Amino acid sequence: MLISETFYSLQGEGELTGVPSFFIRTSGCNLRCAWCDTPYASWKPEGVERGFATLVSEAKLHPGRHVVLTGGEPMLAPDLPTLAAALRAEGFHITIETAGTVAPPAGLACDLASISPKLANSTPSPETAGAGWTARHEATRRRPDVLRAWIDAGFGYQLKFVASAPADLDEIAATVAEIGRPVPAAKILVMPEARTVETMRERAAWLGEACKARGWRYAHRLHVELYGNRRGV
């Protein structure tokens, strides 16, 4: 598998925020988010080929029993189900972080599907990404059928959105409605789009109040708060 990086840290986002976790980041993505904070796994994918056995052995070096399979888009990796099965055999809790554009295969080992549907605020400009990628991103980012497949698969799940302006909240509500499943409000997590602590705190002021009003879960980004916007954390 082409792996961009591995590291042991605290989960910074979602329901398991603060849980010590071993991260395996695959390289390659079918989207080009304007605010992507891991361009080395998407915009300019880089990495080295790693075997399942070495990845599992590295995970076992750490006391934490949670593994996060992330990207890029990990569901593009053909061998991801095999890696997930190998980790499950060792007793790890497995979180898969996905944009929800690729449906899960039958039998996938997954304890928490951390699904992050992309809003219009993610679409890059033609000047930044090129007209081809702008059109491709916009055509790919919204897949209610795939989101429905993830929820119907029976995994634990969370829907994790990135908001940069109050107008994004109506799009979040529309995206959830399109799924056509009764998603509990507590499963809808909304994070402020931010690469700095200052921006995150500024947006948290209005976003926290908006989440209270809608019954959604405000989701801070612990890794940005603790370590800043840098690699391997």
C-alpha atoms as a PDB file:
ATOM      1  CA  MET A   1       0.000   0.000   0.000  1.00  0.00           C
ATOM      2  CA  LEU A   2       1.140   3.551  -0.697  1.00  0.00           C
ATOM      3  CA  ILE A   3       1.399   5.130   2.760  1.00  0.00           C
ATOM      4  CA  SER A   4       1.958   8.826   3.244  1.00  0.00           C
ATOM      5  CA  GLU A   5       2.777   8.645   6.943  1.00  0.00           C
ATOM      6  CA  THR A   6       2.186   6.820  10.208  1.00  0.00           C
ATOM      7  CA  PHE A   7       2.256   8.354  13.661  1.00  0.00           C
ATOM      8  CA  TYR A   8       0.997   7.892  17.208  1.00  0.00           C
ATOM      9  CA  SER A   9      -0.969  10.784  18.666  1.00  0.00           C
ATOM     10  CA  LEU A  10      -4.237  11.812  20.265  1.00  0.00           C
ATOM     11  CA  GLN A  11      -7.318  11.655  18.086  1.00  0.00           C
ATOM     12  CA  GLY A  12      -8.041  15.308  17.391  1.00  0.00           C
ATOM     13  CA  GLU A  13     -11.544  15.163  15.928  1.00  0.00           C
ATOM     14  CA  GLY A  14     -14.917  13.581  16.504  1.00  0.00           C
ATOM     15  CA  GLU A  15     -16.454  11.331  19.140  1.00  0.00           C
ATOM     16  CA  LEU A  16     -13.100   9.840  20.154  1.00  0.00           C
ATOM     17  CA  THR A  17     -11.303  13.161  20.637  1.00  0.00           C
ATOM     18  CA  GLY A  18      -8.390  12.713  23.022  1.00  0.00           C
ATOM     19  CA  VAL A  19      -8.070   8.927  22.621  1.00  0.00           C
ATOM     20  CA  PRO A  20      -4.450   7.785  21.994  1.00  0.00           C
ATOM     21  CA  SER A  21      -4.449   6.380  18.463  1.00  0.00           C
ATOM     22  CA  PHE A  22      -2.067   5.070  15.830  1.00  0.00           C
ATOM     23  CA  PHE A  23      -2.704   6.795  12.510  1.00  0.00           C
ATOM     24  CA  ILE A  24      -2.083   5.166   9.120  1.00  0.00           C
ATOM     25  CA  ARG A  25      -2.449   7.724   6.351  1.00  0.00           C
ATOM     26  CA  THR A  26      -2.856   6.380   2.835  1.00  0.00           C
ATOM     27  CA  SER A  27      -1.810   8.504  -0.132  1.00  0.00           C
ATOM     28  CA  GLY A  28      -4.185   9.507  -2.921  1.00  0.00           C
ATOM     29  CA  CYS A  29      -7.543  11.261  -3.031  1.00  0.00           C
ATOM     30  CA  ASN A  30     -10.422  11.730  -5.478  1.00  0.00           C
ATOM     31  CA  LEU A  31     -11.120  15.261  -4.167  1.00  0.00           C
ATOM     32  CA  ARG A  32      -9.130  18.489  -4.001  1.00  0.00           C
ATOM     33  CA  CYS A  33     -10.536  20.419  -1.041  1.00  0.00           C
ATOM     34  CA  ALA A  34      -9.670  24.104  -1.075  1.00  0.00           C
ATOM     35  CA  TRP A  35      -8.776  24.019   2.619  1.00  0.00           C
ATOM     36  CA  CYS A  36      -7.098  20.592   2.677  1.00  0.00           C
ATOM     37  CA  ASP A  37      -4.594  20.308   5.535  1.00  0.00           C
ATOM     38  CA  THR A  38      -2.920  17.156   4.186  1.00  0.00           C
ATOM     39  CA  PRO A  39      -1.953  18.112   0.603  1.00  0.00           C
ATOM     40  CA  TYR A  40       0.876  15.579   0.697  1.00  0.00           C
ATOM     41  CA  ALA A  41      -1.792  12.861   0.642  1.00  0.00           C
ATOM     42  CA  SER A  42      -4.119  14.484  -1.895  1.00  0.00           C
ATOM     43  CA  TRP A  43      -3.091  17.503  -3.973  1.00  0.00           C
ATOM     44  CA  LYS A  44       0.463  16.191  -4.332  1.00  0.00           C
ATOM     45  CA  PRO A  45       0.267  12.615  -3.077  1.00  0.00           C
ATOM     46  CA  GLU A  46       3.502  11.171  -1.801  1.00  0.00           C
ATOM     47  CA  GLY A  47       4.448   8.081   0.132  1.00  0.00           C
ATOM     48  CA  VAL A  48       6.189   4.728   0.216  1.00  0.00           C
ATOM     49  CA  GLU A  49       4.944   1.203  -0.318  1.00  0.00           C
ATOM     50  CA  ARG A  50       4.350  -0.555   2.999  1.00  0.00           C
ATOM     51  CA  GLY A  51       3.274  -4.130   3.682  1.00  0.00           C
ATOM     52  CA  PHE A  52       0.442  -5.137   6.011  1.00  0.00           C
ATOM     53  CA  ALA A  53       2.728  -6.963   8.422  1.00  0.00           C
ATOM     54  CA  THR A  54       4.993  -3.962   9.013  1.00  0.00           C
ATOM     55  CA  LEU A  55       2.048  -1.639   9.557  1.00  0.00           C
ATOM     56  CA  VAL A  56       0.428  -3.999  12.059  1.00  0.00           C
ATOM     57  CA  SER A  57       3.756  -4.506  13.841  1.00  0.00           C
ATOM     58  CA  GLU A  58       4.238  -0.754  14.116  1.00  0.00           C
ATOM     59  CA  ALA A  59       0.739  -0.316  15.525  1.00  0.00           C
ATOM     60  CA  LYS A  60       1.536  -2.907  18.215  1.00  0.00           C
ATOM     61  CA  LEU A  61       4.521  -0.881  19.441  1.00  0.00           C
ATOM     62  CA  HIS A  62       2.200   1.615  21.124  1.00  0.00           C
ATOM     63  CA  PRO A  63       0.000   1.193  24.222  1.00  0.00           C
ATOM     64  CA  GLY A  64      -3.092   2.624  22.549  1.00  0.00           C
ATOM     65  CA  ARG A  65      -5.532   0.102  21.059  1.00  0.00           C
ATOM     66  CA  HIS A  66      -7.149   2.428  18.533  1.00  0.00           C
ATOM     67  CA  VAL A  67      -6.054   2.638  14.906  1.00  0.00           C
ATOM     68  CA  VAL A  68      -7.230   5.347  12.513  1.00  0.00           C
ATOM     69  CA  LEU A  69      -7.145   4.626   8.776  1.00  0.00           C
ATOM     70  CA  THR A  70      -7.148   7.987   7.074  1.00  0.00           C
ATOM     71  CA  GLY A  71      -5.937   9.821   3.991  1.00  0.00           C
ATOM     72  CA  GLY A  72      -6.308  11.319   1.433  1.00  0.00           C
ATOM     73  CA  GLU A  73      -9.179   8.964   0.825  1.00  0.00           C
ATOM     74  CA  PRO A  74      -8.324   5.557   2.326  1.00  0.00           C
ATOM     75  CA  MET A  75     -11.227   3.835   0.564  1.00  0.00           C
ATOM     76  CA  LEU A  76      -9.408   4.286  -2.752  1.00  0.00           C
ATOM     77  CA  ALA A  77      -6.708   1.859  -1.611  1.00  0.00           C
ATOM     78  CA  PRO A  78      -7.647  -1.586  -2.987  1.00  0.00           C
ATOM     79  CA  ASP A  79      -5.893  -3.371  -0.125  1.00  0.00           C
ATOM     80  CA  LEU A  80      -7.437  -1.363   2.687  1.00  0.00           C
ATOM     81  CA  PRO A  81      -9.964  -4.111   3.600  1.00  0.00           C
ATOM     82  CA  THR A  82      -7.085  -6.577   3.982  1.00  0.00           C
ATOM     83  CA  LEU A  83      -5.180  -4.200   6.243  1.00  0.00           C
ATOM     84  CA  ALA A  84      -8.300  -3.516   8.304  1.00  0.00           C
ATOM     85  CA  ALA A  85      -8.883  -7.259   8.711  1.00  0.00           C
ATOM     86  CA  ALA A  86      -5.275  -7.775   9.854  1.00  0.00           C
ATOM     87  CA  LEU A  87      -5.657  -5.022  12.457  1.00  0.00           C
ATOM     88  CA  ARG A  88      -8.991  -6.434  13.624  1.00  0.00           C
ATOM     89  CA  ALA A  89      -7.315  -9.826  14.096  1.00  0.00           C
ATOM     90  CA  GLU A  90      -4.939  -8.154  16.557  1.00  0.00           C
ATOM     91  CA  GLY A  91      -7.831  -6.691  18.531  1.00  0.00           C
ATOM     92  CA  PHE A  92      -7.539  -3.056  17.495  1.00  0.00           C
ATOM     93  CA  HIS A  93     -10.485  -0.667  17.418  1.00  0.00           C
ATOM     94  CA  ILE A  94     -10.613   0.650  13.848  1.00  0.00           C
ATOM     95  CA  THR A  95     -11.763   4.091  12.769  1.00  0.00           C
ATOM     96  CA  ILE A  96     -11.965   4.765   9.036  1.00  0.00           C
ATOM     97  CA  GLU A  97     -11.943   8.444   8.074  1.00  0.00           C
ATOM     98  CA  THR A  98     -13.606   8.904   4.698  1.00  0.00           C
ATOM     99  CA  ALA A  99     -15.273  11.647   2.677  1.00  0.00           C
ATOM    100  CA  GLY A 100     -18.167   9.304   1.928  1.00  0.00           C
ATOM    101  CA  THR A 101     -17.667   9.138  -1.839  1.00  0.00           C
ATOM    102  CA  VAL A 102     -16.703   5.434  -1.984  1.00  0.00           C
ATOM    103  CA  ALA A 103     -19.079   2.813  -0.597  1.00  0.00           C
ATOM    104  CA  PRO A 104     -17.788   0.251   1.926  1.00  0.00           C
ATOM    105  CA  PRO A 105     -17.305  -3.313   0.667  1.00  0.00           C
ATOM    106  CA  ALA A 106     -19.119  -6.164   2.366  1.00  0.00           C
ATOM    107  CA  GLY A 107     -17.309  -7.487   5.408  1.00  0.00           C
ATOM    108  CA  LEU A 108     -15.149  -4.405   5.983  1.00  0.00           C
ATOM    109  CA  ALA A 109     -13.619  -4.358   9.469  1.00  0.00           C
ATOM    110  CA  CYS A 110     -14.665  -1.005  10.911  1.00  0.00           C
ATOM    111  CA  ASP A 111     -15.782   0.059  14.375  1.00  0.00           C
ATOM    112  CA  LEU A 112     -16.299   3.758  13.699  1.00  0.00           C
ATOM    113  CA  ALA A 113     -16.974   5.179  10.250  1.00  0.00           C
ATOM    114  CA  SER A 114     -15.927   8.817  10.519  1.00  0.00           C
ATOM    115  CA  ILE A 115     -17.676  10.207   7.446  1.00  0.00           C
ATOM    116  CA  SER A 116     -16.864  13.749   6.396  1.00  0.00           C
ATOM    117  CA  PRO A 117     -19.130  14.840   3.527  1.00  0.00           C
ATOM    118  CA  LYS A 118     -17.720  17.869   1.733  1.00  0.00           C
ATOM    119  CA  LEU A 119     -19.723  21.068   1.435  1.00  0.00           C
ATOM    120  CA  ALA A 120     -19.545  23.699  -1.287  1.00  0.00           C
ATOM    121  CA  ASN A 121     -16.920  25.506   0.782  1.00  0.00           C
ATOM    122  CA  SER A 122     -14.501  22.709  -0.110  1.00  0.00           C
ATOM    123  CA  THR A 123     -14.589  23.220  -3.885  1.00  0.00           C
ATOM    124  CA  PRO A 124     -11.335  24.768  -5.136  1.00  0.00           C
ATOM    125  CA  SER A 125     -11.228  27.603  -7.634  1.00  0.00           C
ATOM    126  CA  PRO A 126     -10.175  26.922 -11.238  1.00  0.00           C
ATOM    127  CA  GLU A 127      -7.233  29.272 -10.657  1.00  0.00           C
ATOM    128  CA  THR A 128      -6.002  27.105  -7.792  1.00  0.00           C
ATOM    129  CA  ALA A 129      -6.804  23.591  -8.966  1.00  0.00           C
ATOM    130  CA  GLY A 130      -7.460  23.934 -12.688  1.00  0.00           C
ATOM    131  CA  ALA A 131     -10.883  23.793 -14.304  1.00  0.00           C
ATOM    132  CA  GLY A 132     -10.763  20.015 -14.628  1.00  0.00           C
ATOM    133  CA  TRP A 133     -10.238  19.374 -10.918  1.00  0.00           C
ATOM    134  CA  THR A 134     -12.780  21.999  -9.919  1.00  0.00           C
ATOM    135  CA  ALA A 135     -15.449  20.262 -12.009  1.00  0.00           C
ATOM    136  CA  ARG A 136     -14.374  16.792 -10.869  1.00  0.00           C
ATOM    137  CA  HIS A 137     -14.429  17.763  -7.199  1.00  0.00           C
ATOM    138  CA  GLU A 138     -17.857  19.363  -7.474  1.00  0.00           C
ATOM    139  CA  ALA A 139     -19.259  16.308  -9.299  1.00  0.00           C
ATOM    140  CA  THR A 140     -17.783  13.862  -6.761  1.00  0.00           C
ATOM    141  CA  ARG A 141     -18.130  15.468  -3.347  1.00  0.00           C
ATOM    142  CA  ARG A 142     -21.882  14.926  -2.838  1.00  0.00           C
ATOM    143  CA  ARG A 143     -22.925  11.247  -2.857  1.00  0.00           C
ATOM    144  CA  PRO A 144     -26.052  10.671  -0.729  1.00  0.00           C
ATOM    145  CA  ASP A 145     -26.252   7.093  -2.014  1.00  0.00           C
ATOM    146  CA  VAL A 146     -22.780   6.359  -0.663  1.00  0.00           C
ATOM    147  CA  LEU A 147     -23.514   8.047   2.665  1.00  0.00           C
ATOM    148  CA  ARG A 148     -26.618   5.876   2.910  1.00  0.00           C
ATOM    149  CA  ALA A 149     -24.516   2.758   2.215  1.00  0.00           C
ATOM    150  CA  TRP A 150     -22.127   3.605   5.050  1.00  0.00           C
ATOM    151  CA  ILE A 151     -24.967   4.119   7.514  1.00  0.00           C
ATOM    152  CA  ASP A 152     -26.772   0.972   6.361  1.00  0.00           C
ATOM    153  CA  ALA A 153     -23.564  -1.086   6.784  1.00  0.00           C
ATOM    154  CA  GLY A 154     -24.196  -1.119  10.520  1.00  0.00           C
ATOM    155  CA  PHE A 155     -20.925   0.400  11.742  1.00  0.00           C
ATOM    156  CA  GLY A 156     -20.786   2.946  14.466  1.00  0.00           C
ATOM    157  CA  TYR A 157     -20.684   6.228  12.588  1.00  0.00           C
ATOM    158  CA  GLN A 158     -20.424   9.982  12.808  1.00  0.00           C
ATOM    159  CA  LEU A 159     -21.091  12.621  10.164  1.00  0.00           C
ATOM    160  CA  LYS A 160     -18.326  15.198  10.503  1.00  0.00           C
ATOM    161  CA  PHE A 161     -18.724  18.480   8.640  1.00  0.00           C
ATOM    162  CA  VAL A 162     -16.388  21.449   8.189  1.00  0.00           C
ATOM    163  CA  ALA A 163     -18.057  24.870   8.458  1.00  0.00           C
ATOM    164  CA  SER A 164     -16.429  28.158   7.556  1.00  0.00           C
ATOM    165  CA  ALA A 165     -19.492  30.435   7.546  1.00  0.00           C
ATOM    166  CA  PRO A 166     -23.026  30.391   9.037  1.00  0.00           C
ATOM    167  CA  ALA A 167     -24.487  29.757   5.579  1.00  0.00           C
ATOM    168  CA  ASP A 168     -22.854  26.303   5.639  1.00  0.00           C
ATOM    169  CA  LEU A 169     -25.297  25.135   8.294  1.00  0.00           C
ATOM    170  CA  ASP A 170     -28.255  25.001   5.930  1.00  0.00           C
ATOM    171  CA  GLU A 171     -26.199  22.935   3.491  1.00  0.00           C
ATOM    172  CA  ILE A 172     -25.321  20.531   6.294  1.00  0.00           C
ATOM    173  CA  ALA A 173     -29.014  20.092   7.104  1.00  0.00           C
ATOM    174  CA  ALA A 174     -29.823  19.526   3.415  1.00  0.00           C
ATOM    175  CA  THR A 175     -27.015  16.976   3.062  1.00  0.00           C
ATOM    176  CA  VAL A 176     -28.264  14.990   6.042  1.00  0.00           C
ATOM    177  CA  ALA A 177     -31.842  15.113   4.716  1.00  0.00           C
ATOM    178  CA  GLU A 178     -30.696  13.747   1.342  1.00  0.00           C
ATOM    179  CA  ILE A 179     -29.390  10.589   3.005  1.00  0.00           C
ATOM    180  CA  GLY A 180     -32.920   9.507   3.724  1.00  0.00           C
ATOM    181  CA  ARG A 181     -32.127   7.905   7.058  1.00  0.00           C
ATOM    182  CA  PRO A 182     -33.048   9.040  10.597  1.00  0.00           C
ATOM    183  CA  VAL A 183     -29.674  10.430  11.665  1.00  0.00           C
ATOM    184  CA  PRO A 184     -29.640  11.358  15.379  1.00  0.00           C
ATOM    185  CA  ALA A 185     -28.652  14.983  15.951  1.00  0.00           C
ATOM    186  CA  ALA A 186     -25.795  13.865  18.189  1.00  0.00           C
ATOM    187  CA  LYS A 187     -24.257  12.042  15.197  1.00  0.00           C
ATOM    188  CA  ILE A 188     -23.913  15.342  13.328  1.00  0.00           C
ATOM    189  CA  LEU A 189     -20.575  16.874  14.299  1.00  0.00           C
ATOM    190  CA  VAL A 190     -19.538  20.294  13.004  1.00  0.00           C
ATOM    191  CA  MET A 191     -15.970  21.578  13.113  1.00  0.00           C
ATOM    192  CA  PRO A 192     -14.728  25.093  12.397  1.00  0.00           C
ATOM    193  CA  GLU A 193     -12.612  25.298   9.253  1.00  0.00           C
ATOM    194  CA  ALA A 194      -9.314  26.633  10.515  1.00  0.00           C
ATOM    195  CA  ARG A 195      -5.583  26.120  10.202  1.00  0.00           C
ATOM    196  CA  THR A 196      -4.687  28.279  13.200  1.00  0.00           C
ATOM    197  CA  VAL A 197      -5.822  28.304  16.801  1.00  0.00           C
ATOM    198  CA  GLU A 198      -6.877  31.936  16.448  1.00  0.00           C
ATOM    199  CA  THR A 199      -9.204  31.275  13.505  1.00  0.00           C
ATOM    200  CA  MET A 200     -10.605  28.154  15.151  1.00  0.00           C
ATOM    201  CA  ARG A 201     -11.474  30.005  18.335  1.00  0.00           C
ATOM    202  CA  GLU A 202     -12.996  32.899  16.413  1.00  0.00           C
ATOM    203  CA  ARG A 203     -15.281  30.598  14.437  1.00  0.00           C
ATOM    204  CA  ALA A 204     -16.048  28.525  17.520  1.00  0.00           C
ATOM    205  CA  ALA A 205     -17.862  31.511  19.004  1.00  0.00           C
ATOM    206  CA  TRP A 206     -20.706  31.478  16.483  1.00  0.00           C
ATOM    207  CA  LEU A 207     -20.501  27.803  15.565  1.00  0.00           C
ATOM    208  CA  GLY A 208     -20.945  26.595  19.123  1.00  0.00           C
ATOM    209  CA  GLU A 209     -24.109  28.653  19.490  1.00  0.00           C
ATOM    210  CA  ALA A 210     -25.401  27.381  16.126  1.00  0.00           C
ATOM    211  CA  CYS A 211     -24.849  23.775  17.190  1.00  0.00           C
ATOM    212  CA  LYS A 212     -26.723  24.396  20.440  1.00  0.00           C
ATOM    213  CA  ALA A 213     -29.648  25.825  18.488  1.00  0.00           C
ATOM    214  CA  ARG A 214     -29.840  22.791  16.169  1.00  0.00           C
ATOM    215  CA  GLY A 215     -28.960  20.068  18.666  1.00  0.00           C
ATOM    216  CA  TRP A 216     -25.801  19.143  16.777  1.00  0.00           C
ATOM    217  CA  ARG A 217     -22.445  18.384  18.322  1.00  0.00           C
ATOM    218  CA  TYR A 218     -19.772  21.074  18.176  1.00  0.00           C
ATOM    219  CA  ALA A 219     -16.436  19.415  17.362  1.00  0.00           C
ATOM    220  CA  HIS A 220     -13.250  21.206  18.260  1.00  0.00           C
ATOM    221  CA  ARG A 221      -9.957  20.224  16.588  1.00  0.00           C
ATOM    222  CA  LEU A 222      -7.757  19.151  19.486  1.00  0.00           C
ATOM    223  CA  HIS A 223      -4.631  18.549  17.408  1.00  0.00           C
ATOM    224  CA  VAL A 224      -4.688  22.135  16.121  1.00  0.00           C
ATOM    225  CA  GLU A 225      -5.146  23.398  19.687  1.00  0.00           C
ATOM    226  CA  LEU A 226      -2.304  21.264  21.076  1.00  0.00           C
ATOM    227  CA  TYR A 227       0.199  21.053  18.240  1.00  0.00           C
ATOM    228  CA  GLY A 228      -0.732  23.593  15.583  1.00  0.00           C
ATOM    229  CA  ASN A 229      -1.238  22.870  11.902  1.00  0.00           C
ATOM    230  CA  ARG A 230       1.681  20.571  11.232  1.00  0.00           C
ATOM    231  CA  ARG A 231       2.364  17.101   9.994  1.00  0.00           C
ATOM    232  CA  GLY A 232       2.497  13.933  12.069  1.00  0.00           C
ATOM    233  CA  VAL A 233       0.216  14.992  14.923  1.00  0.00           C
END
